[in-house]
Amino acid sequence: MTKPVTSVSGPALHRAFGRARAALRPALASALAALLVSGGAIAQETKPESKPVPAWQSILALQLSSAHKCDLDKVLFFHEVPVGETVSTEGRARCLDGREYDFSRDRAHEKFTLRLCQPTVC
């Protein structure tokens, strides 16, 4: 015959949780210290002067990904050319797999025109 389960409440419950909490404190402290040390190393690796990514670059990355299965590595160069009251954007982007695309768009609300940049031999 099994012993019936009794509920623990009041001071006995408080003592049980107090012992469990006391046993976890050293483990939590060492885990927190390790996290802070590794976070400090990561914070030192990042450049403090890094600028936020412009909105058009995020849109370009999404369009390259959906149209050409290209994960954007970096924008190699770009020019913003003012034409009247609008600003045209053109440049070149590199995918993680090494492909490069020339991109351009005449207005901010339009899609980019993407052309695969292939080497030419003269």
C-alpha atoms as a PDB file:
ATOM      1  CA  MET A   1       0.000   0.000   0.000  1.00  0.00           C
ATOM      2  CA  THR A   2       1.334   3.421  -0.902  1.00  0.00           C
ATOM      3  CA  LYS A   3       1.615   6.311   1.458  1.00  0.00           C
ATOM      4  CA  PRO A   4      -0.870   9.096   0.690  1.00  0.00           C
ATOM      5  CA  VAL A   5       0.539  12.386  -0.535  1.00  0.00           C
ATOM      6  CA  THR A   6       0.299  15.124   2.015  1.00  0.00           C
ATOM      7  CA  SER A   7       0.437  18.758   1.119  1.00  0.00           C
ATOM      8  CA  VAL A   8       3.167  20.921   2.546  1.00  0.00           C
ATOM      9  CA  SER A   9       2.225  24.421   3.489  1.00  0.00           C
ATOM     10  CA  GLY A  10       3.243  27.217   5.794  1.00  0.00           C
ATOM     11  CA  PRO A  11       6.649  27.171   7.477  1.00  0.00           C
ATOM     12  CA  ALA A  12       7.681  23.771   6.090  1.00  0.00           C
ATOM     13  CA  LEU A  13       7.122  24.950   2.519  1.00  0.00           C
ATOM     14  CA  HIS A  14       9.003  28.176   3.184  1.00  0.00           C
ATOM     15  CA  ARG A  15      12.004  26.235   4.596  1.00  0.00           C
ATOM     16  CA  ALA A  16      12.041  23.853   1.620  1.00  0.00           C
ATOM     17  CA  PHE A  17      12.100  26.694  -0.915  1.00  0.00           C
ATOM     18  CA  GLY A  18      14.685  28.569   1.156  1.00  0.00           C
ATOM     19  CA  ARG A  19      17.053  25.579   1.038  1.00  0.00           C
ATOM     20  CA  ALA A  20      16.525  25.162  -2.712  1.00  0.00           C
ATOM     21  CA  ARG A  21      17.123  28.873  -3.313  1.00  0.00           C
ATOM     22  CA  ALA A  22      20.311  28.783  -1.195  1.00  0.00           C
ATOM     23  CA  ALA A  23      21.601  25.820  -3.201  1.00  0.00           C
ATOM     24  CA  LEU A  24      20.979  27.621  -6.518  1.00  0.00           C
ATOM     25  CA  ARG A  25      22.647  30.931  -5.578  1.00  0.00           C
ATOM     26  CA  PRO A  26      26.272  29.877  -6.291  1.00  0.00           C
ATOM     27  CA  ALA A  27      25.289  28.314  -9.622  1.00  0.00           C
ATOM     28  CA  LEU A  28      23.356  31.407 -10.665  1.00  0.00           C
ATOM     29  CA  ALA A  29      26.194  33.694  -9.597  1.00  0.00           C
ATOM     30  CA  SER A  30      28.769  31.775 -11.660  1.00  0.00           C
ATOM     31  CA  ALA A  31      26.445  31.650 -14.684  1.00  0.00           C
ATOM     32  CA  LEU A  32      25.854  35.402 -14.434  1.00  0.00           C
ATOM     33  CA  ALA A  33      29.596  36.053 -14.144  1.00  0.00           C
ATOM     34  CA  ALA A  34      30.291  33.929 -17.233  1.00  0.00           C
ATOM     35  CA  LEU A  35      27.582  35.761 -19.155  1.00  0.00           C
ATOM     36  CA  LEU A  36      28.960  39.154 -18.193  1.00  0.00           C
ATOM     37  CA  VAL A  37      32.509  38.168 -19.129  1.00  0.00           C
ATOM     38  CA  SER A  38      31.459  36.845 -22.544  1.00  0.00           C
ATOM     39  CA  GLY A  39      29.188  39.853 -23.093  1.00  0.00           C
ATOM     40  CA  GLY A  40      32.098  42.148 -22.359  1.00  0.00           C
ATOM     41  CA  ALA A  41      34.227  40.390 -24.948  1.00  0.00           C
ATOM     42  CA  ILE A  42      31.475  40.716 -27.527  1.00  0.00           C
ATOM     43  CA  ALA A  43      30.991  44.379 -26.710  1.00  0.00           C
ATOM     44  CA  GLN A  44      34.698  45.033 -27.265  1.00  0.00           C
ATOM     45  CA  GLU A  45      34.644  43.334 -30.685  1.00  0.00           C
ATOM     46  CA  THR A  46      31.877  45.539 -32.080  1.00  0.00           C
ATOM     47  CA  LYS A  47      32.793  48.933 -33.408  1.00  0.00           C
ATOM     48  CA  PRO A  48      31.394  51.723 -31.261  1.00  0.00           C
ATOM     49  CA  GLU A  49      31.219  54.050 -34.279  1.00  0.00           C
ATOM     50  CA  SER A  50      29.104  51.650 -36.385  1.00  0.00           C
ATOM     51  CA  LYS A  51      26.195  53.410 -38.054  1.00  0.00           C
ATOM     52  CA  PRO A  52      22.669  52.053 -38.402  1.00  0.00           C
ATOM     53  CA  VAL A  53      21.781  50.453 -41.730  1.00  0.00           C
ATOM     54  CA  PRO A  54      19.793  52.796 -44.010  1.00  0.00           C
ATOM     55  CA  ALA A  55      16.218  51.754 -44.794  1.00  0.00           C
ATOM     56  CA  TRP A  56      16.909  51.388 -48.527  1.00  0.00           C
ATOM     57  CA  GLN A  57      19.669  48.855 -47.778  1.00  0.00           C
ATOM     58  CA  SER A  58      17.246  46.644 -45.839  1.00  0.00           C
ATOM     59  CA  ILE A  59      14.784  46.826 -48.731  1.00  0.00           C
ATOM     60  CA  LEU A  60      17.584  45.951 -51.180  1.00  0.00           C
ATOM     61  CA  ALA A  61      18.540  42.916 -49.072  1.00  0.00           C
ATOM     62  CA  LEU A  62      14.937  41.676 -49.032  1.00  0.00           C
ATOM     63  CA  GLN A  63      14.555  42.165 -52.780  1.00  0.00           C
ATOM     64  CA  LEU A  64      17.845  40.366 -53.538  1.00  0.00           C
ATOM     65  CA  SER A  65      16.834  37.507 -51.277  1.00  0.00           C
ATOM     66  CA  SER A  66      13.400  37.020 -52.783  1.00  0.00           C
ATOM     67  CA  ALA A  67      14.286  37.592 -56.442  1.00  0.00           C
ATOM     68  CA  HIS A  68      17.734  35.985 -56.707  1.00  0.00           C
ATOM     69  CA  LYS A  69      18.214  33.913 -53.526  1.00  0.00           C
ATOM     70  CA  CYS A  70      21.095  36.219 -52.591  1.00  0.00           C
ATOM     71  CA  ASP A  71      21.990  36.793 -48.940  1.00  0.00           C
ATOM     72  CA  LEU A  72      23.471  40.293 -48.880  1.00  0.00           C
ATOM     73  CA  ASP A  73      27.083  40.310 -47.684  1.00  0.00           C
ATOM     74  CA  LYS A  74      27.735  44.013 -48.162  1.00  0.00           C
ATOM     75  CA  VAL A  75      27.115  46.994 -50.353  1.00  0.00           C
ATOM     76  CA  LEU A  76      30.402  47.583 -52.194  1.00  0.00           C
ATOM     77  CA  PHE A  77      29.572  51.149 -53.198  1.00  0.00           C
ATOM     78  CA  PHE A  78      26.572  53.352 -53.804  1.00  0.00           C
ATOM     79  CA  HIS A  79      25.770  56.840 -55.038  1.00  0.00           C
ATOM     80  CA  GLU A  80      22.752  58.954 -54.247  1.00  0.00           C
ATOM     81  CA  VAL A  81      22.153  61.292 -57.159  1.00  0.00           C
ATOM     82  CA  PRO A  82      19.732  64.187 -56.664  1.00  0.00           C
ATOM     83  CA  VAL A  83      17.526  64.664 -59.724  1.00  0.00           C
ATOM     84  CA  GLY A  84      15.213  67.615 -59.195  1.00  0.00           C
ATOM     85  CA  GLU A  85      13.362  66.950 -55.972  1.00  0.00           C
ATOM     86  CA  THR A  86      13.945  63.181 -56.004  1.00  0.00           C
ATOM     87  CA  VAL A  87      17.053  61.187 -55.133  1.00  0.00           C
ATOM     88  CA  SER A  88      18.163  58.307 -57.349  1.00  0.00           C
ATOM     89  CA  THR A  89      20.227  55.488 -55.785  1.00  0.00           C
ATOM     90  CA  GLU A  90      22.648  53.218 -57.629  1.00  0.00           C
ATOM     91  CA  GLY A  91      25.544  50.967 -56.702  1.00  0.00           C
ATOM     92  CA  ARG A  92      26.827  47.413 -56.397  1.00  0.00           C
ATOM     93  CA  ALA A  93      26.078  44.725 -53.813  1.00  0.00           C
ATOM     94  CA  ARG A  94      27.849  41.435 -53.062  1.00  0.00           C
ATOM     95  CA  CYS A  95      26.111  38.221 -51.992  1.00  0.00           C
ATOM     96  CA  LEU A  96      27.572  35.800 -49.448  1.00  0.00           C
ATOM     97  CA  ASP A  97      28.261  33.334 -52.278  1.00  0.00           C
ATOM     98  CA  GLY A  98      30.354  35.914 -54.184  1.00  0.00           C
ATOM     99  CA  ARG A  99      27.861  37.035 -56.831  1.00  0.00           C
ATOM    100  CA  GLU A 100      27.625  40.772 -57.410  1.00  0.00           C
ATOM    101  CA  TYR A 101      24.620  42.764 -58.549  1.00  0.00           C
ATOM    102  CA  ASP A 102      24.381  46.293 -59.854  1.00  0.00           C
ATOM    103  CA  PHE A 103      21.328  47.991 -58.408  1.00  0.00           C
ATOM    104  CA  SER A 104      19.511  51.211 -59.150  1.00  0.00           C
ATOM    105  CA  ARG A 105      16.215  52.909 -58.509  1.00  0.00           C
ATOM    106  CA  ASP A 106      14.938  56.296 -59.581  1.00  0.00           C
ATOM    107  CA  ARG A 107      12.645  57.045 -56.644  1.00  0.00           C
ATOM    108  CA  ALA A 108      12.484  55.921 -53.015  1.00  0.00           C
ATOM    109  CA  HIS A 109       9.083  54.223 -53.357  1.00  0.00           C
ATOM    110  CA  GLU A 110      10.069  52.081 -56.393  1.00  0.00           C
ATOM    111  CA  LYS A 111      11.664  48.633 -56.532  1.00  0.00           C
ATOM    112  CA  PHE A 112      15.341  48.315 -57.322  1.00  0.00           C
ATOM    113  CA  THR A 113      16.447  47.306 -60.811  1.00  0.00           C
ATOM    114  CA  LEU A 114      18.910  44.445 -60.323  1.00  0.00           C
ATOM    115  CA  ARG A 115      21.465  43.290 -62.912  1.00  0.00           C
ATOM    116  CA  LEU A 116      23.917  40.432 -62.375  1.00  0.00           C
ATOM    117  CA  CYS A 117      27.430  41.807 -62.733  1.00  0.00           C
ATOM    118  CA  GLN A 118      29.385  39.323 -64.851  1.00  0.00           C
ATOM    119  CA  PRO A 119      33.058  39.621 -65.753  1.00  0.00           C
ATOM    120  CA  THR A 120      33.855  40.638 -69.305  1.00  0.00           C
ATOM    121  CA  VAL A 121      36.921  39.671 -71.267  1.00  0.00           C
ATOM    122  CA  CYS A 122      38.398  42.175 -73.728  1.00  0.00           C
END
